[in-house]
Amino acid sequence: MANSKLKFTRTTTDKLTIKAGTLSEDCSTITYEDENGSEQDIKISDLLTAFKNQVIDFTVALKTDENLDVITEDE
């Protein structure tokens, strides 16, 4: 018997995000700026406790900015 093309599912995603955090030299903490502009340190193990014994997808991204020259029609 063929599988139906109709699929009805509900997906719940628990997501943890820190924008512009700095990973410590020993990779154990992340320093970030809170909503009051104060620097905060948090242990990575504390962040991941909520996901303990769960199957997870783990992603880390490194963002760099580079200023580019604007090329005009005259050039």
PDB file of N, CA and C in Angstrom:
ATOM      1  N   MET A   1       0.840  -1.176   0.000  1.00  0.00           N
ATOM      2  CA  MET A   1       0.000   0.000   0.000  1.00  0.00           C
ATOM      3  C   MET A   1       0.892   1.248   0.000  1.00  0.00           C
ATOM      4  N   ALA A   2       0.602   2.226  -0.807  1.00  0.00           N
ATOM      5  CA  ALA A   2       1.394   3.448  -0.932  1.00  0.00           C
ATOM      6  C   ALA A   2       1.116   4.394   0.232  1.00  0.00           C
ATOM      7  N   ASN A   3       2.133   5.168   0.590  1.00  0.00           N
ATOM      8  CA  ASN A   3       1.962   6.179   1.633  1.00  0.00           C
ATOM      9  C   ASN A   3       1.173   7.358   1.096  1.00  0.00           C
ATOM     10  N   SER A   4       0.365   7.962   1.943  1.00  0.00           N
ATOM     11  CA  SER A   4      -0.431   9.118   1.557  1.00  0.00           C
ATOM     12  C   SER A   4       0.474  10.322   1.328  1.00  0.00           C
ATOM     13  N   LYS A   5       0.125  11.176   0.402  1.00  0.00           N
ATOM     14  CA  LYS A   5       0.844  12.427   0.153  1.00  0.00           C
ATOM     15  C   LYS A   5       0.444  13.499   1.153  1.00  0.00           C
ATOM     16  N   LEU A   6      -0.632  13.244   1.890  1.00  0.00           N
ATOM     17  CA  LEU A   6      -1.103  14.180   2.902  1.00  0.00           C
ATOM     18  C   LEU A   6      -0.450  13.836   4.228  1.00  0.00           C
ATOM     19  N   LYS A   7       0.136  14.848   4.859  1.00  0.00           N
ATOM     20  CA  LYS A   7       0.782  14.639   6.152  1.00  0.00           C
ATOM     21  C   LYS A   7       0.349  15.777   7.071  1.00  0.00           C
ATOM     22  N   PHE A   8      -0.165  15.462   8.217  1.00  0.00           N
ATOM     23  CA  PHE A   8      -0.657  16.450   9.169  1.00  0.00           C
ATOM     24  C   PHE A   8       0.106  16.246  10.468  1.00  0.00           C
ATOM     25  N   THR A   9       1.036  17.170  10.790  1.00  0.00           N
ATOM     26  CA  THR A   9       1.852  17.039  11.997  1.00  0.00           C
ATOM     27  C   THR A   9       1.957  18.375  12.710  1.00  0.00           C
ATOM     28  N   ARG A  10       2.246  18.323  13.970  1.00  0.00           N
ATOM     29  CA  ARG A  10       2.549  19.511  14.768  1.00  0.00           C
ATOM     30  C   ARG A  10       3.979  19.348  15.252  1.00  0.00           C
ATOM     31  N   THR A  11       4.792  20.359  15.024  1.00  0.00           N
ATOM     32  CA  THR A  11       6.177  20.337  15.455  1.00  0.00           C
ATOM     33  C   THR A  11       6.391  21.449  16.476  1.00  0.00           C
ATOM     34  N   THR A  12       6.954  21.103  17.610  1.00  0.00           N
ATOM     35  CA  THR A  12       7.291  22.077  18.633  1.00  0.00           C
ATOM     36  C   THR A  12       8.803  22.152  18.722  1.00  0.00           C
ATOM     37  N   THR A  13       9.340  23.361  18.639  1.00  0.00           N
ATOM     38  CA  THR A  13      10.781  23.548  18.679  1.00  0.00           C
ATOM     39  C   THR A  13      11.148  24.387  19.891  1.00  0.00           C
ATOM     40  N   ASP A  14      12.033  23.879  20.719  1.00  0.00           N
ATOM     41  CA  ASP A  14      12.622  24.649  21.811  1.00  0.00           C
ATOM     42  C   ASP A  14      13.966  25.144  21.302  1.00  0.00           C
ATOM     43  N   LYS A  15      14.152  26.461  21.317  1.00  0.00           N
ATOM     44  CA  LYS A  15      15.340  27.043  20.707  1.00  0.00           C
ATOM     45  C   LYS A  15      16.033  27.972  21.695  1.00  0.00           C
ATOM     46  N   LEU A  16      17.341  27.888  21.733  1.00  0.00           N
ATOM     47  CA  LEU A  16      18.170  28.741  22.583  1.00  0.00           C
ATOM     48  C   LEU A  16      19.045  29.579  21.666  1.00  0.00           C
ATOM     49  N   THR A  17      18.998  30.903  21.812  1.00  0.00           N
ATOM     50  CA  THR A  17      19.771  31.782  20.948  1.00  0.00           C
ATOM     51  C   THR A  17      20.480  32.837  21.788  1.00  0.00           C
ATOM     52  N   ILE A  18      21.761  33.035  21.523  1.00  0.00           N
ATOM     53  CA  ILE A  18      22.515  34.153  22.081  1.00  0.00           C
ATOM     54  C   ILE A  18      23.108  34.888  20.893  1.00  0.00           C
ATOM     55  N   LYS A  19      22.737  36.139  20.719  1.00  0.00           N
ATOM     56  CA  LYS A  19      23.246  36.941  19.605  1.00  0.00           C
ATOM     57  C   LYS A  19      24.525  37.645  20.040  1.00  0.00           C
ATOM     58  N   ALA A  20      25.545  37.563  19.226  1.00  0.00           N
ATOM     59  CA  ALA A  20      26.811  38.277  19.416  1.00  0.00           C
ATOM     60  C   ALA A  20      27.487  37.931  20.741  1.00  0.00           C
ATOM     61  N   GLY A  21      27.421  36.665  21.128  1.00  0.00           N
ATOM     62  CA  GLY A  21      28.130  36.217  22.323  1.00  0.00           C
ATOM     63  C   GLY A  21      29.578  35.879  21.996  1.00  0.00           C
ATOM     64  N   THR A  22      30.445  35.941  23.016  1.00  0.00           N
ATOM     65  CA  THR A  22      31.861  35.616  22.836  1.00  0.00           C
ATOM     66  C   THR A  22      32.178  34.359  23.630  1.00  0.00           C
ATOM     67  N   LEU A  23      32.693  33.356  22.942  1.00  0.00           N
ATOM     68  CA  LEU A  23      33.064  32.089  23.561  1.00  0.00           C
ATOM     69  C   LEU A  23      34.384  32.260  24.303  1.00  0.00           C
ATOM     70  N   SER A  24      34.443  31.768  25.533  1.00  0.00           N
ATOM     71  CA  SER A  24      35.656  31.907  26.334  1.00  0.00           C
ATOM     72  C   SER A  24      36.798  31.074  25.757  1.00  0.00           C
ATOM     73  N   GLU A  25      38.024  31.384  26.187  1.00  0.00           N
ATOM     74  CA  GLU A  25      39.223  30.695  25.717  1.00  0.00           C
ATOM     75  C   GLU A  25      39.146  29.192  25.966  1.00  0.00           C
ATOM     76  N   ASP A  26      38.584  28.794  27.114  1.00  0.00           N
ATOM     77  CA  ASP A  26      38.486  27.367  27.442  1.00  0.00           C
ATOM     78  C   ASP A  26      37.177  26.743  26.952  1.00  0.00           C
ATOM     79  N   CYS A  27      36.385  27.516  26.215  1.00  0.00           N
ATOM     80  CA  CYS A  27      35.121  27.068  25.606  1.00  0.00           C
ATOM     81  C   CYS A  27      34.076  26.615  26.639  1.00  0.00           C
ATOM     82  N   SER A  28      34.152  27.126  27.844  1.00  0.00           N
ATOM     83  CA  SER A  28      33.201  26.704  28.875  1.00  0.00           C
ATOM     84  C   SER A  28      32.089  27.722  29.128  1.00  0.00           C
ATOM     85  N   THR A  29      32.319  28.992  28.750  1.00  0.00           N
ATOM     86  CA  THR A  29      31.311  30.025  28.990  1.00  0.00           C
ATOM     87  C   THR A  29      31.139  30.895  27.750  1.00  0.00           C
ATOM     88  N   ILE A  30      30.010  31.607  27.730  1.00  0.00           N
ATOM     89  CA  ILE A  30      29.731  32.603  26.704  1.00  0.00           C
ATOM     90  C   ILE A  30      29.459  33.922  27.410  1.00  0.00           C
ATOM     91  N   THR A  31      30.101  34.979  26.933  1.00  0.00           N
ATOM     92  CA  THR A  31      29.861  36.323  27.447  1.00  0.00           C
ATOM     93  C   THR A  31      28.966  37.044  26.449  1.00  0.00           C
ATOM     94  N   TYR A  32      27.896  37.647  26.960  1.00  0.00           N
ATOM     95  CA  TYR A  32      26.953  38.357  26.099  1.00  0.00           C
ATOM     96  C   TYR A  32      26.464  39.599  26.825  1.00  0.00           C
ATOM     97  N   GLU A  33      25.824  40.491  26.087  1.00  0.00           N
ATOM     98  CA  GLU A  33      25.281  41.712  26.667  1.00  0.00           C
ATOM     99  C   GLU A  33      23.786  41.530  26.886  1.00  0.00           C
ATOM    100  N   ASP A  34      23.333  41.742  28.132  1.00  0.00           N
ATOM    101  CA  ASP A  34      21.914  41.559  28.431  1.00  0.00           C
ATOM    102  C   ASP A  34      21.108  42.792  28.016  1.00  0.00           C
ATOM    103  N   GLU A  35      19.807  42.756  28.298  1.00  0.00           N
ATOM    104  CA  GLU A  35      18.908  43.832  27.865  1.00  0.00           C
ATOM    105  C   GLU A  35      19.207  45.171  28.535  1.00  0.00           C
ATOM    106  N   ASN A  36      19.980  45.153  29.640  1.00  0.00           N
ATOM    107  CA  ASN A  36      20.352  46.384  30.333  1.00  0.00           C
ATOM    108  C   ASN A  36      21.723  46.893  29.908  1.00  0.00           C
ATOM    109  N   GLY A  37      22.358  46.214  28.951  1.00  0.00           N
ATOM    110  CA  GLY A  37      23.668  46.632  28.477  1.00  0.00           C
ATOM    111  C   GLY A  37      24.821  46.122  29.328  1.00  0.00           C
ATOM    112  N   SER A  38      24.532  45.242  30.284  1.00  0.00           N
ATOM    113  CA  SER A  38      25.570  44.690  31.152  1.00  0.00           C
ATOM    114  C   SER A  38      26.099  43.386  30.569  1.00  0.00           C
ATOM    115  N   GLU A  39      27.410  43.178  30.708  1.00  0.00           N
ATOM    116  CA  GLU A  39      27.988  41.917  30.250  1.00  0.00           C
ATOM    117  C   GLU A  39      27.663  40.805  31.233  1.00  0.00           C
ATOM    118  N   GLN A  40      27.264  39.663  30.709  1.00  0.00           N
ATOM    119  CA  GLN A  40      26.921  38.501  31.513  1.00  0.00           C
ATOM    120  C   GLN A  40      27.723  37.305  31.016  1.00  0.00           C
ATOM    121  N   ASP A  41      28.169  36.475  31.930  1.00  0.00           N
ATOM    122  CA  ASP A  41      28.822  35.206  31.595  1.00  0.00           C
ATOM    123  C   ASP A  41      27.877  34.083  31.962  1.00  0.00           C
ATOM    124  N   ILE A  42      27.751  33.093  31.091  1.00  0.00           N
ATOM    125  CA  ILE A  42      26.914  31.941  31.386  1.00  0.00           C
ATOM    126  C   ILE A  42      27.638  30.678  30.944  1.00  0.00           C
ATOM    127  N   LYS A  43      27.558  29.652  31.768  1.00  0.00           N
ATOM    128  CA  LYS A  43      28.187  28.380  31.435  1.00  0.00           C
ATOM    129  C   LYS A  43      27.398  27.683  30.334  1.00  0.00           C
ATOM    130  N   ILE A  44      28.098  27.146  29.377  1.00  0.00           N
ATOM    131  CA  ILE A  44      27.450  26.419  28.285  1.00  0.00           C
ATOM    132  C   ILE A  44      26.696  25.211  28.831  1.00  0.00           C
ATOM    133  N   SER A  45      27.259  24.547  29.833  1.00  0.00           N
ATOM    134  CA  SER A  45      26.573  23.386  30.403  1.00  0.00           C
ATOM    135  C   SER A  45      25.241  23.785  31.039  1.00  0.00           C
ATOM    136  N   ASP A  46      25.163  24.982  31.631  1.00  0.00           N
ATOM    137  CA  ASP A  46      23.895  25.455  32.192  1.00  0.00           C
ATOM    138  C   ASP A  46      22.866  25.705  31.088  1.00  0.00           C
ATOM    139  N   LEU A  47      23.321  26.222  29.945  1.00  0.00           N
ATOM    140  CA  LEU A  47      22.413  26.481  28.832  1.00  0.00           C
ATOM    141  C   LEU A  47      21.823  25.188  28.276  1.00  0.00           C
ATOM    142  N   LEU A  48      22.638  24.133  28.255  1.00  0.00           N
ATOM    143  CA  LEU A  48      22.209  22.882  27.626  1.00  0.00           C
ATOM    144  C   LEU A  48      21.456  21.947  28.559  1.00  0.00           C
ATOM    145  N   THR A  49      21.370  22.266  29.833  1.00  0.00           N
ATOM    146  CA  THR A  49      20.691  21.398  30.797  1.00  0.00           C
ATOM    147  C   THR A  49      19.251  21.103  30.405  1.00  0.00           C
ATOM    148  N   ALA A  50      18.551  22.079  29.855  1.00  0.00           N
ATOM    149  CA  ALA A  50      17.149  21.882  29.470  1.00  0.00           C
ATOM    150  C   ALA A  50      16.991  20.839  28.368  1.00  0.00           C
ATOM    151  N   PHE A  51      18.078  20.548  27.657  1.00  0.00           N
ATOM    152  CA  PHE A  51      18.029  19.610  26.538  1.00  0.00           C
ATOM    153  C   PHE A  51      18.641  18.249  26.894  1.00  0.00           C
ATOM    154  N   LYS A  52      18.958  18.051  28.165  1.00  0.00           N
ATOM    155  CA  LYS A  52      19.621  16.824  28.595  1.00  0.00           C
ATOM    156  C   LYS A  52      18.809  15.585  28.228  1.00  0.00           C
ATOM    157  N   ASN A  53      19.496  14.554  27.731  1.00  0.00           N
ATOM    158  CA  ASN A  53      18.911  13.265  27.332  1.00  0.00           C
ATOM    159  C   ASN A  53      17.923  13.377  26.170  1.00  0.00           C
ATOM    160  N   GLN A  54      18.045  14.430  25.380  1.00  0.00           N
ATOM    161  CA  GLN A  54      17.188  14.624  24.209  1.00  0.00           C
ATOM    162  C   GLN A  54      18.046  14.545  22.948  1.00  0.00           C
ATOM    163  N   VAL A  55      17.448  14.163  21.863  1.00  0.00           N
ATOM    164  CA  VAL A  55      18.122  14.220  20.573  1.00  0.00           C
ATOM    165  C   VAL A  55      18.080  15.680  20.122  1.00  0.00           C
ATOM    166  N   ILE A  56      19.249  16.257  19.804  1.00  0.00           N
ATOM    167  CA  ILE A  56      19.297  17.669  19.437  1.00  0.00           C
ATOM    168  C   ILE A  56      20.034  17.859  18.117  1.00  0.00           C
ATOM    169  N   ASP A  57      19.769  18.984  17.471  1.00  0.00           N
ATOM    170  CA  ASP A  57      20.584  19.500  16.376  1.00  0.00           C
ATOM    171  C   ASP A  57      21.383  20.641  16.988  1.00  0.00           C
ATOM    172  N   PHE A  58      22.672  20.698  16.717  1.00  0.00           N
ATOM    173  CA  PHE A  58      23.540  21.702  17.335  1.00  0.00           C
ATOM    174  C   PHE A  58      24.225  22.499  16.233  1.00  0.00           C
ATOM    175  N   THR A  59      24.088  23.825  16.288  1.00  0.00           N
ATOM    176  CA  THR A  59      24.672  24.694  15.275  1.00  0.00           C
ATOM    177  C   THR A  59      25.400  25.844  15.942  1.00  0.00           C
ATOM    178  N   VAL A  60      26.589  26.138  15.449  1.00  0.00           N
ATOM    179  CA  VAL A  60      27.344  27.316  15.872  1.00  0.00           C
ATOM    180  C   VAL A  60      27.719  28.064  14.605  1.00  0.00           C
ATOM    181  N   ALA A  61      27.562  29.381  14.617  1.00  0.00           N
ATOM    182  CA  ALA A  61      27.882  30.179  13.438  1.00  0.00           C
ATOM    183  C   ALA A  61      28.863  31.277  13.824  1.00  0.00           C
ATOM    184  N   LEU A  62      29.765  31.574  12.929  1.00  0.00           N
ATOM    185  CA  LEU A  62      30.722  32.666  13.097  1.00  0.00           C
ATOM    186  C   LEU A  62      30.420  33.704  12.030  1.00  0.00           C
ATOM    187  N   LYS A  63      30.112  34.914  12.464  1.00  0.00           N
ATOM    188  CA  LYS A  63      29.744  35.965  11.521  1.00  0.00           C
ATOM    189  C   LYS A  63      30.864  36.991  11.470  1.00  0.00           C
ATOM    190  N   THR A  64      31.306  37.323  10.275  1.00  0.00           N
ATOM    191  CA  THR A  64      32.298  38.380  10.093  1.00  0.00           C
ATOM    192  C   THR A  64      31.753  39.373   9.082  1.00  0.00           C
ATOM    193  N   ASP A  65      32.080  40.623   9.300  1.00  0.00           N
ATOM    194  CA  ASP A  65      31.670  41.686   8.393  1.00  0.00           C
ATOM    195  C   ASP A  65      32.891  42.233   7.680  1.00  0.00           C
ATOM    196  N   GLU A  66      32.714  42.561   6.420  1.00  0.00           N
ATOM    197  CA  GLU A  66      33.794  43.123   5.624  1.00  0.00           C
ATOM    198  C   GLU A  66      33.241  44.309   4.860  1.00  0.00           C
ATOM    199  N   ASN A  67      33.893  45.457   5.001  1.00  0.00           N
ATOM    200  CA  ASN A  67      33.480  46.638   4.255  1.00  0.00           C
ATOM    201  C   ASN A  67      33.967  46.506   2.824  1.00  0.00           C
ATOM    202  N   LEU A  68      33.079  46.727   1.888  1.00  0.00           N
ATOM    203  CA  LEU A  68      33.414  46.636   0.472  1.00  0.00           C
ATOM    204  C   LEU A  68      33.370  48.023  -0.158  1.00  0.00           C
ATOM    205  N   ASP A  69      34.177  48.211  -1.193  1.00  0.00           N
ATOM    206  CA  ASP A  69      34.153  49.473  -1.925  1.00  0.00           C
ATOM    207  C   ASP A  69      32.948  49.480  -2.857  1.00  0.00           C
ATOM    208  N   VAL A  70      32.299  50.621  -2.924  1.00  0.00           N
ATOM    209  CA  VAL A  70      31.163  50.771  -3.829  1.00  0.00           C
ATOM    210  C   VAL A  70      31.719  51.185  -5.196  1.00  0.00           C
ATOM    211  N   ILE A  71      31.408  50.419  -6.204  1.00  0.00           N
ATOM    212  CA  ILE A  71      31.888  50.705  -7.552  1.00  0.00           C
ATOM    213  C   ILE A  71      30.854  51.545  -8.271  1.00  0.00           C
ATOM    214  N   THR A  72      31.276  52.677  -8.761  1.00  0.00           N
ATOM    215  CA  THR A  72      30.367  53.567  -9.482  1.00  0.00           C
ATOM    216  C   THR A  72      30.459  53.288 -10.972  1.00  0.00           C
ATOM    217  N   GLU A  73      29.541  53.849 -11.750  1.00  0.00           N
ATOM    218  CA  GLU A  73      29.534  53.647 -13.201  1.00  0.00           C
ATOM    219  C   GLU A  73      30.780  54.221 -13.862  1.00  0.00           C
ATOM    220  N   ASP A  74      31.373  55.256 -13.254  1.00  0.00           N
ATOM    221  CA  ASP A  74      32.551  55.905 -13.833  1.00  0.00           C
ATOM    222  C   ASP A  74      33.788  55.016 -13.775  1.00  0.00           C
ATOM    223  N   GLU A  75      33.806  54.065 -12.910  1.00  0.00           N
ATOM    224  CA  GLU A  75      35.006  53.232 -12.728  1.00  0.00           C
ATOM    225  C   GLU A  75      35.038  52.073 -13.665  1.00  0.00           C
TER     226      GLU A  75
END
